[in-house]
Amino acid sequence: MPEFLINLSEIPGFPVGRLFVPYSFTTNPTFLLWYKSVRIHRETFYVTGKVIWFIASYTEYCRLASRYPHHRHAAYTRYLLNSASTFFKGLKPPYLPDYEYLD
C-alpha cells in the first residue's frame, strides 16, 4: 500500500510530499491520476517500490494524507497539515482593508 508523509528537510523551509509506491501500484490507472495534480521533484527507486518526492497544493497533501497514511508518521503529517491550515486561515484576505481586518 502507498504511504504518504511530508518532509521538511528535502528542500529546507518548504514542505515536500513523499510517497512510497509499491511497484504493484505503479500500473494501476486510478492511482496514476494523481500525477496530474503534483510537480515531481525527484524519484528514488528501491527493490520493492519507489519513493516519489513532489510539490503539490495543500488540498492534495490533505487528500493523500487521508488516503495513504504512513504507518509511523501519520500523526505528525496531520499535525503539520492542521498547523498550515490554521496559519493560512489567520492571514488577512488581500481584498480586505487593514482597518477592517484588525478591528
PDB file of N, CA and C in Angstrom:
ATOM      1  N   MET A   1       0.845  -1.182   0.000  1.00  0.00           N
ATOM      2  CA  MET A   1       0.000   0.000   0.000  1.00  0.00           C
ATOM      3  C   MET A   1       0.894   1.250   0.000  1.00  0.00           C
ATOM      4  N   PRO A   2       0.583   2.265  -0.797  1.00  0.00           N
ATOM      5  CA  PRO A   2       1.362   3.509  -0.769  1.00  0.00           C
ATOM      6  C   PRO A   2       1.308   4.170   0.609  1.00  0.00           C
ATOM      7  N   GLU A   3       2.353   4.924   0.931  1.00  0.00           N
ATOM      8  CA  GLU A   3       2.424   5.646   2.207  1.00  0.00           C
ATOM      9  C   GLU A   3       2.900   7.068   1.946  1.00  0.00           C
ATOM     10  N   PHE A   4       2.162   8.037   2.485  1.00  0.00           N
ATOM     11  CA  PHE A   4       2.450   9.452   2.269  1.00  0.00           C
ATOM     12  C   PHE A   4       2.908  10.109   3.562  1.00  0.00           C
ATOM     13  N   LEU A   5       3.852  11.033   3.440  1.00  0.00           N
ATOM     14  CA  LEU A   5       4.222  11.910   4.549  1.00  0.00           C
ATOM     15  C   LEU A   5       4.769  13.208   3.973  1.00  0.00           C
ATOM     16  N   ILE A   6       4.941  14.192   4.834  1.00  0.00           N
ATOM     17  CA  ILE A   6       5.510  15.476   4.434  1.00  0.00           C
ATOM     18  C   ILE A   6       6.915  15.553   4.988  1.00  0.00           C
ATOM     19  N   ASN A   7       7.854  15.929   4.133  1.00  0.00           N
ATOM     20  CA  ASN A   7       9.249  16.037   4.527  1.00  0.00           C
ATOM     21  C   ASN A   7       9.644  17.507   4.496  1.00  0.00           C
ATOM     22  N   LEU A   8      10.204  17.987   5.594  1.00  0.00           N
ATOM     23  CA  LEU A   8      10.610  19.394   5.673  1.00  0.00           C
ATOM     24  C   LEU A   8      12.098  19.597   5.417  1.00  0.00           C
ATOM     25  N   SER A   9      12.871  18.514   5.284  1.00  0.00           N
ATOM     26  CA  SER A   9      14.315  18.668   5.103  1.00  0.00           C
ATOM     27  C   SER A   9      14.776  18.434   3.661  1.00  0.00           C
ATOM     28  N   GLU A  10      13.924  17.916   2.801  1.00  0.00           N
ATOM     29  CA  GLU A  10      14.299  17.693   1.396  1.00  0.00           C
ATOM     30  C   GLU A  10      14.657  19.022   0.721  1.00  0.00           C
ATOM     31  N   ILE A  11      13.799  19.999   0.839  1.00  0.00           N
ATOM     32  CA  ILE A  11      14.076  21.375   0.408  1.00  0.00           C
ATOM     33  C   ILE A  11      13.881  22.222   1.662  1.00  0.00           C
ATOM     34  N   PRO A  12      14.954  22.693   2.285  1.00  0.00           N
ATOM     35  CA  PRO A  12      14.812  23.413   3.562  1.00  0.00           C
ATOM     36  C   PRO A  12      13.811  24.566   3.479  1.00  0.00           C
ATOM     37  N   GLY A  13      12.874  24.564   4.427  1.00  0.00           N
ATOM     38  CA  GLY A  13      11.874  25.614   4.512  1.00  0.00           C
ATOM     39  C   GLY A  13      10.666  25.417   3.622  1.00  0.00           C
ATOM     40  N   PHE A  14      10.587  24.295   2.942  1.00  0.00           N
ATOM     41  CA  PHE A  14       9.477  24.062   2.017  1.00  0.00           C
ATOM     42  C   PHE A  14       8.949  22.650   2.219  1.00  0.00           C
ATOM     43  N   PRO A  15       7.651  22.480   2.428  1.00  0.00           N
ATOM     44  CA  PRO A  15       7.107  21.129   2.632  1.00  0.00           C
ATOM     45  C   PRO A  15       7.034  20.343   1.316  1.00  0.00           C
ATOM     46  N   VAL A  16       7.727  19.231   1.289  1.00  0.00           N
ATOM     47  CA  VAL A  16       7.759  18.377   0.103  1.00  0.00           C
ATOM     48  C   VAL A  16       7.025  17.085   0.430  1.00  0.00           C
ATOM     49  N   GLY A  17       6.136  16.681  -0.451  1.00  0.00           N
ATOM     50  CA  GLY A  17       5.435  15.423  -0.264  1.00  0.00           C
ATOM     51  C   GLY A  17       6.341  14.251  -0.595  1.00  0.00           C
ATOM     52  N   ARG A  18       6.199  13.191   0.182  1.00  0.00           N
ATOM     53  CA  ARG A  18       6.973  11.966  -0.049  1.00  0.00           C
ATOM     54  C   ARG A  18       5.982  10.812  -0.079  1.00  0.00           C
ATOM     55  N   LEU A  19       5.950  10.107  -1.178  1.00  0.00           N
ATOM     56  CA  LEU A  19       5.016   8.999  -1.329  1.00  0.00           C
ATOM     57  C   LEU A  19       5.791   7.751  -1.735  1.00  0.00           C
ATOM     58  N   PHE A  20       5.739   6.731  -0.861  1.00  0.00           N
ATOM     59  CA  PHE A  20       6.314   5.436  -1.220  1.00  0.00           C
ATOM     60  C   PHE A  20       5.253   4.658  -1.976  1.00  0.00           C
ATOM     61  N   VAL A  21       5.605   4.173  -3.160  1.00  0.00           N
ATOM     62  CA  VAL A  21       4.655   3.460  -4.010  1.00  0.00           C
ATOM     63  C   VAL A  21       5.220   2.080  -4.343  1.00  0.00           C
ATOM     64  N   PRO A  22       4.577   1.005  -3.867  1.00  0.00           N
ATOM     65  CA  PRO A  22       4.999  -0.337  -4.295  1.00  0.00           C
ATOM     66  C   PRO A  22       4.810  -0.477  -5.809  1.00  0.00           C
ATOM     67  N   TYR A  23       5.660  -1.268  -6.429  1.00  0.00           N
ATOM     68  CA  TYR A  23       5.595  -1.405  -7.886  1.00  0.00           C
ATOM     69  C   TYR A  23       4.248  -1.922  -8.372  1.00  0.00           C
ATOM     70  N   SER A  24       3.535  -2.657  -7.553  1.00  0.00           N
ATOM     71  CA  SER A  24       2.217  -3.156  -7.972  1.00  0.00           C
ATOM     72  C   SER A  24       1.217  -2.021  -8.198  1.00  0.00           C
ATOM     73  N   PHE A  25       1.426  -0.868  -7.549  1.00  0.00           N
ATOM     74  CA  PHE A  25       0.523   0.276  -7.717  1.00  0.00           C
ATOM     75  C   PHE A  25       0.909   1.167  -8.894  1.00  0.00           C
ATOM     76  N   THR A  26       2.111   1.020  -9.404  1.00  0.00           N
ATOM     77  CA  THR A  26       2.562   1.935 -10.461  1.00  0.00           C
ATOM     78  C   THR A  26       1.864   1.707 -11.794  1.00  0.00           C
ATOM     79  N   THR A  27       1.159   0.593 -11.930  1.00  0.00           N
ATOM     80  CA  THR A  27       0.419   0.334 -13.169  1.00  0.00           C
ATOM     81  C   THR A  27      -1.087   0.481 -12.988  1.00  0.00           C
ATOM     82  N   ASN A  28      -1.527   0.812 -11.797  1.00  0.00           N
ATOM     83  CA  ASN A  28      -2.953   0.964 -11.507  1.00  0.00           C
ATOM     84  C   ASN A  28      -3.451   2.289 -12.099  1.00  0.00           C
ATOM     85  N   PRO A  29      -4.374   2.273 -13.077  1.00  0.00           N
ATOM     86  CA  PRO A  29      -4.801   3.517 -13.729  1.00  0.00           C
ATOM     87  C   PRO A  29      -5.456   4.523 -12.783  1.00  0.00           C
ATOM     88  N   THR A  30      -6.199   4.061 -11.792  1.00  0.00           N
ATOM     89  CA  THR A  30      -6.831   5.018 -10.874  1.00  0.00           C
ATOM     90  C   THR A  30      -5.795   5.674  -9.971  1.00  0.00           C
ATOM     91  N   PHE A  31      -4.748   4.956  -9.636  1.00  0.00           N
ATOM     92  CA  PHE A  31      -3.685   5.540  -8.817  1.00  0.00           C
ATOM     93  C   PHE A  31      -2.884   6.565  -9.616  1.00  0.00           C
ATOM     94  N   LEU A  32      -2.686   6.314 -10.891  1.00  0.00           N
ATOM     95  CA  LEU A  32      -1.843   7.178 -11.713  1.00  0.00           C
ATOM     96  C   LEU A  32      -2.453   8.548 -11.984  1.00  0.00           C
ATOM     97  N   LEU A  33      -3.725   8.748 -11.720  1.00  0.00           N
ATOM     98  CA  LEU A  33      -4.362  10.049 -11.965  1.00  0.00           C
ATOM     99  C   LEU A  33      -3.801  11.156 -11.082  1.00  0.00           C
ATOM    100  N   TRP A  34      -3.272  10.829  -9.908  1.00  0.00           N
ATOM    101  CA  TRP A  34      -2.779  11.867  -9.002  1.00  0.00           C
ATOM    102  C   TRP A  34      -1.543  12.570  -9.552  1.00  0.00           C
ATOM    103  N   TYR A  35      -0.821  11.954 -10.486  1.00  0.00           N
ATOM    104  CA  TYR A  35       0.366  12.580 -11.072  1.00  0.00           C
ATOM    105  C   TYR A  35       0.051  13.929 -11.715  1.00  0.00           C
ATOM    106  N   LYS A  36      -1.159  14.091 -12.221  1.00  0.00           N
ATOM    107  CA  LYS A  36      -1.525  15.324 -12.913  1.00  0.00           C
ATOM    108  C   LYS A  36      -1.619  16.524 -11.980  1.00  0.00           C
ATOM    109  N   SER A  37      -1.814  16.281 -10.684  1.00  0.00           N
ATOM    110  CA  SER A  37      -2.020  17.388  -9.749  1.00  0.00           C
ATOM    111  C   SER A  37      -0.779  17.741  -8.934  1.00  0.00           C
ATOM    112  N   VAL A  38       0.368  17.151  -9.256  1.00  0.00           N
ATOM    113  CA  VAL A  38       1.589  17.430  -8.494  1.00  0.00           C
ATOM    114  C   VAL A  38       2.737  17.748  -9.446  1.00  0.00           C
ATOM    115  N   ARG A  39       3.791  18.309  -8.861  1.00  0.00           N
ATOM    116  CA  ARG A  39       5.029  18.549  -9.609  1.00  0.00           C
ATOM    117  C   ARG A  39       6.093  17.636  -9.018  1.00  0.00           C
ATOM    118  N   ILE A  40       6.585  16.696  -9.793  1.00  0.00           N
ATOM    119  CA  ILE A  40       7.569  15.727  -9.323  1.00  0.00           C
ATOM    120  C   ILE A  40       8.909  16.434  -9.127  1.00  0.00           C
ATOM    121  N   HIS A  41       9.476  16.280  -7.934  1.00  0.00           N
ATOM    122  CA  HIS A  41      10.794  16.850  -7.625  1.00  0.00           C
ATOM    123  C   HIS A  41      11.885  15.840  -7.984  1.00  0.00           C
ATOM    124  N   ARG A  42      11.734  14.601  -7.504  1.00  0.00           N
ATOM    125  CA  ARG A  42      12.659  13.522  -7.868  1.00  0.00           C
ATOM    126  C   ARG A  42      12.047  12.186  -7.476  1.00  0.00           C
ATOM    127  N   GLU A  43      12.632  11.119  -7.960  1.00  0.00           N
ATOM    128  CA  GLU A  43      12.187   9.766  -7.634  1.00  0.00           C
ATOM    129  C   GLU A  43      13.391   8.952  -7.179  1.00  0.00           C
ATOM    130  N   THR A  44      13.181   8.104  -6.177  1.00  0.00           N
ATOM    131  CA  THR A  44      14.205   7.193  -5.679  1.00  0.00           C
ATOM    132  C   THR A  44      13.662   5.780  -5.830  1.00  0.00           C
ATOM    133  N   PHE A  45      14.438   4.911  -6.457  1.00  0.00           N
ATOM    134  CA  PHE A  45      13.978   3.553  -6.747  1.00  0.00           C
ATOM    135  C   PHE A  45      14.565   2.562  -5.754  1.00  0.00           C
ATOM    136  N   TYR A  46      13.727   1.645  -5.290  1.00  0.00           N
ATOM    137  CA  TYR A  46      14.122   0.578  -4.375  1.00  0.00           C
ATOM    138  C   TYR A  46      13.682  -0.757  -4.956  1.00  0.00           C
ATOM    139  N   VAL A  47      14.035  -1.844  -4.287  1.00  0.00           N
ATOM    140  CA  VAL A  47      13.692  -3.180  -4.769  1.00  0.00           C
ATOM    141  C   VAL A  47      12.181  -3.397  -4.785  1.00  0.00           C
ATOM    142  N   THR A  48      11.480  -2.930  -3.758  1.00  0.00           N
ATOM    143  CA  THR A  48      10.041  -3.197  -3.632  1.00  0.00           C
ATOM    144  C   THR A  48       9.147  -2.090  -4.178  1.00  0.00           C
ATOM    145  N   GLY A  49       9.716  -0.939  -4.475  1.00  0.00           N
ATOM    146  CA  GLY A  49       8.902   0.171  -4.953  1.00  0.00           C
ATOM    147  C   GLY A  49       9.750   1.404  -5.177  1.00  0.00           C
ATOM    148  N   LYS A  50       9.092   2.531  -5.291  1.00  0.00           N
ATOM    149  CA  LYS A  50       9.827   3.782  -5.471  1.00  0.00           C
ATOM    150  C   LYS A  50       9.253   4.852  -4.563  1.00  0.00           C
ATOM    151  N   VAL A  51      10.103   5.826  -4.236  1.00  0.00           N
ATOM    152  CA  VAL A  51       9.691   6.978  -3.445  1.00  0.00           C
ATOM    153  C   VAL A  51       9.638   8.164  -4.388  1.00  0.00           C
ATOM    154  N   ILE A  52       8.499   8.829  -4.394  1.00  0.00           N
ATOM    155  CA  ILE A  52       8.298   9.994  -5.245  1.00  0.00           C
ATOM    156  C   ILE A  52       8.280  11.222  -4.347  1.00  0.00           C
ATOM    157  N   TRP A  53       9.179  12.151  -4.600  1.00  0.00           N
ATOM    158  CA  TRP A  53       9.240  13.425  -3.891  1.00  0.00           C
ATOM    159  C   TRP A  53       8.569  14.445  -4.799  1.00  0.00           C
ATOM    160  N   PHE A  54       7.604  15.184  -4.277  1.00  0.00           N
ATOM    161  CA  PHE A  54       6.829  16.071  -5.139  1.00  0.00           C
ATOM    162  C   PHE A  54       6.352  17.295  -4.366  1.00  0.00           C
ATOM    163  N   ILE A  55       5.912  18.275  -5.114  1.00  0.00           N
ATOM    164  CA  ILE A  55       5.342  19.505  -4.566  1.00  0.00           C
ATOM    165  C   ILE A  55       3.904  19.584  -5.067  1.00  0.00           C
ATOM    166  N   ALA A  56       2.994  19.855  -4.143  1.00  0.00           N
ATOM    167  CA  ALA A  56       1.575  19.900  -4.500  1.00  0.00           C
ATOM    168  C   ALA A  56       0.866  20.951  -3.651  1.00  0.00           C
ATOM    169  N   SER A  57      -0.394  21.117  -3.911  1.00  0.00           N
ATOM    170  CA  SER A  57      -1.202  22.065  -3.141  1.00  0.00           C
ATOM    171  C   SER A  57      -1.545  21.479  -1.774  1.00  0.00           C
ATOM    172  N   TYR A  58      -1.976  22.345  -0.888  1.00  0.00           N
ATOM    173  CA  TYR A  58      -2.387  21.922   0.453  1.00  0.00           C
ATOM    174  C   TYR A  58      -3.507  20.885   0.384  1.00  0.00           C
ATOM    175  N   THR A  59      -4.474  21.097  -0.488  1.00  0.00           N
ATOM    176  CA  THR A  59      -5.600  20.160  -0.579  1.00  0.00           C
ATOM    177  C   THR A  59      -5.154  18.792  -1.092  1.00  0.00           C
ATOM    178  N   GLU A  60      -4.180  18.775  -1.987  1.00  0.00           N
ATOM    179  CA  GLU A  60      -3.671  17.485  -2.476  1.00  0.00           C
ATOM    180  C   GLU A  60      -2.907  16.761  -1.371  1.00  0.00           C
ATOM    181  N   TYR A  61      -2.133  17.504  -0.580  1.00  0.00           N
ATOM    182  CA  TYR A  61      -1.452  16.888   0.570  1.00  0.00           C
ATOM    183  C   TYR A  61      -2.478  16.294   1.539  1.00  0.00           C
ATOM    184  N   CYS A  62      -3.546  17.012   1.806  1.00  0.00           N
ATOM    185  CA  CYS A  62      -4.592  16.500   2.712  1.00  0.00           C
ATOM    186  C   CYS A  62      -5.243  15.244   2.146  1.00  0.00           C
ATOM    187  N   ARG A  63      -5.518  15.241   0.863  1.00  0.00           N
ATOM    188  CA  ARG A  63      -6.138  14.077   0.233  1.00  0.00           C
ATOM    189  C   ARG A  63      -5.231  12.854   0.327  1.00  0.00           C
ATOM    190  N   LEU A  64      -3.956  13.037   0.040  1.00  0.00           N
ATOM    191  CA  LEU A  64      -3.015  11.917   0.099  1.00  0.00           C
ATOM    192  C   LEU A  64      -2.790  11.447   1.532  1.00  0.00           C
ATOM    193  N   ALA A  65      -2.779  12.387   2.480  1.00  0.00           N
ATOM    194  CA  ALA A  65      -2.588  12.014   3.888  1.00  0.00           C
ATOM    195  C   ALA A  65      -3.748  11.172   4.399  1.00  0.00           C
ATOM    196  N   SER A  66      -4.953  11.476   3.962  1.00  0.00           N
ATOM    197  CA  SER A  66      -6.095  10.686   4.426  1.00  0.00           C
ATOM    198  C   SER A  66      -6.229   9.369   3.659  1.00  0.00           C
ATOM    199  N   ARG A  67      -5.816   9.359   2.419  1.00  0.00           N
ATOM    200  CA  ARG A  67      -5.958   8.140   1.605  1.00  0.00           C
ATOM    201  C   ARG A  67      -4.821   7.141   1.810  1.00  0.00           C
ATOM    202  N   TYR A  68      -3.595   7.649   1.976  1.00  0.00           N
ATOM    203  CA  TYR A  68      -2.419   6.783   2.110  1.00  0.00           C
ATOM    204  C   TYR A  68      -1.592   7.178   3.336  1.00  0.00           C
ATOM    205  N   PRO A  69      -2.106   7.024   4.538  1.00  0.00           N
ATOM    206  CA  PRO A  69      -1.346   7.438   5.728  1.00  0.00           C
ATOM    207  C   PRO A  69      -0.102   6.573   5.932  1.00  0.00           C
ATOM    208  N   HIS A  70       0.959   7.205   6.369  1.00  0.00           N
ATOM    209  CA  HIS A  70       2.201   6.491   6.685  1.00  0.00           C
ATOM    210  C   HIS A  70       2.017   5.762   8.004  1.00  0.00           C
ATOM    211  N   HIS A  71       2.487   4.533   8.088  1.00  0.00           N
ATOM    212  CA  HIS A  71       2.250   3.722   9.286  1.00  0.00           C
ATOM    213  C   HIS A  71       2.898   4.302  10.539  1.00  0.00           C
ATOM    214  N   ARG A  72       3.961   5.080  10.406  1.00  0.00           N
ATOM    215  CA  ARG A  72       4.644   5.623  11.575  1.00  0.00           C
ATOM    216  C   ARG A  72       4.482   7.137  11.723  1.00  0.00           C
ATOM    217  N   HIS A  73       4.381   7.855  10.624  1.00  0.00           N
ATOM    218  CA  HIS A  73       4.402   9.319  10.660  1.00  0.00           C
ATOM    219  C   HIS A  73       3.059   9.975  10.343  1.00  0.00           C
ATOM    220  N   ALA A  74       1.978   9.235  10.368  1.00  0.00           N
ATOM    221  CA  ALA A  74       0.665   9.791  10.008  1.00  0.00           C
ATOM    222  C   ALA A  74       0.230  10.900  10.958  1.00  0.00           C
ATOM    223  N   ALA A  75       0.454  10.727  12.255  1.00  0.00           N
ATOM    224  CA  ALA A  75       0.028  11.742  13.227  1.00  0.00           C
ATOM    225  C   ALA A  75       0.803  13.043  13.027  1.00  0.00           C
ATOM    226  N   TYR A  76       2.096  12.955  12.783  1.00  0.00           N
ATOM    227  CA  TYR A  76       2.898  14.159  12.573  1.00  0.00           C
ATOM    228  C   TYR A  76       2.511  14.851  11.264  1.00  0.00           C
ATOM    229  N   THR A  77       2.212  14.074  10.238  1.00  0.00           N
ATOM    230  CA  THR A  77       1.762  14.653   8.971  1.00  0.00           C
ATOM    231  C   THR A  77       0.453  15.411   9.158  1.00  0.00           C
ATOM    232  N   ARG A  78      -0.495  14.838   9.895  1.00  0.00           N
ATOM    233  CA  ARG A  78      -1.764  15.525  10.174  1.00  0.00           C
ATOM    234  C   ARG A  78      -1.518  16.798  10.982  1.00  0.00           C
ATOM    235  N   TYR A  79      -0.594  16.741  11.941  1.00  0.00           N
ATOM    236  CA  TYR A  79      -0.246  17.922  12.739  1.00  0.00           C
ATOM    237  C   TYR A  79       0.292  19.032  11.829  1.00  0.00           C
ATOM    238  N   LEU A  80       1.200  18.692  10.918  1.00  0.00           N
ATOM    239  CA  LEU A  80       1.742  19.697  10.000  1.00  0.00           C
ATOM    240  C   LEU A  80       0.651  20.299   9.123  1.00  0.00           C
ATOM    241  N   LEU A  81      -0.237  19.463   8.623  1.00  0.00           N
ATOM    242  CA  LEU A  81      -1.321  19.968   7.772  1.00  0.00           C
ATOM    243  C   LEU A  81      -2.292  20.840   8.558  1.00  0.00           C
ATOM    244  N   ASN A  82      -2.615  20.460   9.781  1.00  0.00           N
ATOM    245  CA  ASN A  82      -3.504  21.282  10.612  1.00  0.00           C
ATOM    246  C   ASN A  82      -2.847  22.603  10.974  1.00  0.00           C
ATOM    247  N   SER A  83      -1.543  22.594  11.241  1.00  0.00           N
ATOM    248  CA  SER A  83      -0.826  23.836  11.546  1.00  0.00           C
ATOM    249  C   SER A  83      -0.824  24.759  10.341  1.00  0.00           C
ATOM    250  N   ALA A  84      -0.599  24.209   9.162  1.00  0.00           N
ATOM    251  CA  ALA A  84      -0.605  25.021   7.945  1.00  0.00           C
ATOM    252  C   ALA A  84      -1.987  25.602   7.698  1.00  0.00           C
ATOM    253  N   SER A  85      -3.006  24.813   7.926  1.00  0.00           N
ATOM    254  CA  SER A  85      -4.375  25.275   7.732  1.00  0.00           C
ATOM    255  C   SER A  85      -4.684  26.438   8.661  1.00  0.00           C
ATOM    256  N   THR A  86      -4.299  26.317   9.916  1.00  0.00           N
ATOM    257  CA  THR A  86      -4.527  27.382  10.892  1.00  0.00           C
ATOM    258  C   THR A  86      -3.757  28.636  10.510  1.00  0.00           C
ATOM    259  N   PHE A  87      -2.532  28.479  10.045  1.00  0.00           N
ATOM    260  CA  PHE A  87      -1.714  29.623   9.647  1.00  0.00           C
ATOM    261  C   PHE A  87      -2.368  30.374   8.495  1.00  0.00           C
ATOM    262  N   PHE A  88      -2.781  29.676   7.459  1.00  0.00           N
ATOM    263  CA  PHE A  88      -3.356  30.350   6.296  1.00  0.00           C
ATOM    264  C   PHE A  88      -4.721  30.951   6.591  1.00  0.00           C
ATOM    265  N   LYS A  89      -5.480  30.359   7.496  1.00  0.00           N
ATOM    266  CA  LYS A  89      -6.772  30.938   7.870  1.00  0.00           C
ATOM    267  C   LYS A  89      -6.592  32.252   8.614  1.00  0.00           C
ATOM    268  N   GLY A  90      -5.451  32.422   9.304  1.00  0.00           N
ATOM    269  CA  GLY A  90      -5.211  33.634  10.074  1.00  0.00           C
ATOM    270  C   GLY A  90      -4.728  34.809   9.245  1.00  0.00           C
ATOM    271  N   LEU A  91      -4.365  34.587   8.001  1.00  0.00           N
ATOM    272  CA  LEU A  91      -3.880  35.676   7.157  1.00  0.00           C
ATOM    273  C   LEU A  91      -5.036  36.537   6.664  1.00  0.00           C
ATOM    274  N   LYS A  92      -4.768  37.806   6.513  1.00  0.00           N
ATOM    275  CA  LYS A  92      -5.778  38.743   6.026  1.00  0.00           C
ATOM    276  C   LYS A  92      -6.003  38.521   4.532  1.00  0.00           C
ATOM    277  N   PRO A  93      -7.246  38.365   4.111  1.00  0.00           N
ATOM    278  CA  PRO A  93      -7.512  38.270   2.672  1.00  0.00           C
ATOM    279  C   PRO A  93      -7.080  39.558   1.978  1.00  0.00           C
ATOM    280  N   PRO A  94      -6.508  39.481   0.790  1.00  0.00           N
ATOM    281  CA  PRO A  94      -5.966  40.671   0.133  1.00  0.00           C
ATOM    282  C   PRO A  94      -7.008  41.721  -0.220  1.00  0.00           C
ATOM    283  N   TYR A  95      -8.269  41.341  -0.332  1.00  0.00           N
ATOM    284  CA  TYR A  95      -9.294  42.309  -0.722  1.00  0.00           C
ATOM    285  C   TYR A  95      -9.818  43.122   0.461  1.00  0.00           C
ATOM    286  N   LEU A  96      -9.471  42.750   1.706  1.00  0.00           N
ATOM    287  CA  LEU A  96      -9.934  43.500   2.875  1.00  0.00           C
ATOM    288  C   LEU A  96      -8.939  44.593   3.244  1.00  0.00           C
ATOM    289  N   PRO A  97      -9.415  45.799   3.525  1.00  0.00           N
ATOM    290  CA  PRO A  97      -8.512  46.836   4.024  1.00  0.00           C
ATOM    291  C   PRO A  97      -8.006  46.466   5.419  1.00  0.00           C
ATOM    292  N   ASP A  98      -6.833  46.948   5.760  1.00  0.00           N
ATOM    293  CA  ASP A  98      -6.238  46.625   7.059  1.00  0.00           C
ATOM    294  C   ASP A  98      -7.125  47.052   8.220  1.00  0.00           C
ATOM    295  N   TYR A  99      -7.730  48.220   8.142  1.00  0.00           N
ATOM    296  CA  TYR A  99      -8.516  48.713   9.274  1.00  0.00           C
ATOM    297  C   TYR A  99      -9.750  47.846   9.525  1.00  0.00           C
ATOM    298  N   GLU A 100     -10.336  47.245   8.484  1.00  0.00           N
ATOM    299  CA  GLU A 100     -11.486  46.360   8.689  1.00  0.00           C
ATOM    300  C   GLU A 100     -11.062  45.035   9.305  1.00  0.00           C
ATOM    301  N   TYR A 101      -9.909  44.553   8.918  1.00  0.00           N
ATOM    302  CA  TYR A 101      -9.463  43.246   9.384  1.00  0.00           C
ATOM    303  C   TYR A 101      -8.968  43.300  10.829  1.00  0.00           C
ATOM    304  N   LEU A 102      -8.328  44.377  11.205  1.00  0.00           N
ATOM    305  CA  LEU A 102      -7.726  44.470  12.537  1.00  0.00           C
ATOM    306  C   LEU A 102      -8.708  44.890  13.614  1.00  0.00           C
ATOM    307  N   ASP A 103      -9.866  45.399  13.253  1.00  0.00           N
ATOM    308  CA  ASP A 103     -10.848  45.825  14.268  1.00  0.00           C
ATOM    309  C   ASP A 103     -11.586  44.675  14.885  1.00  0.00           C
TER     310      ASP A 103
END
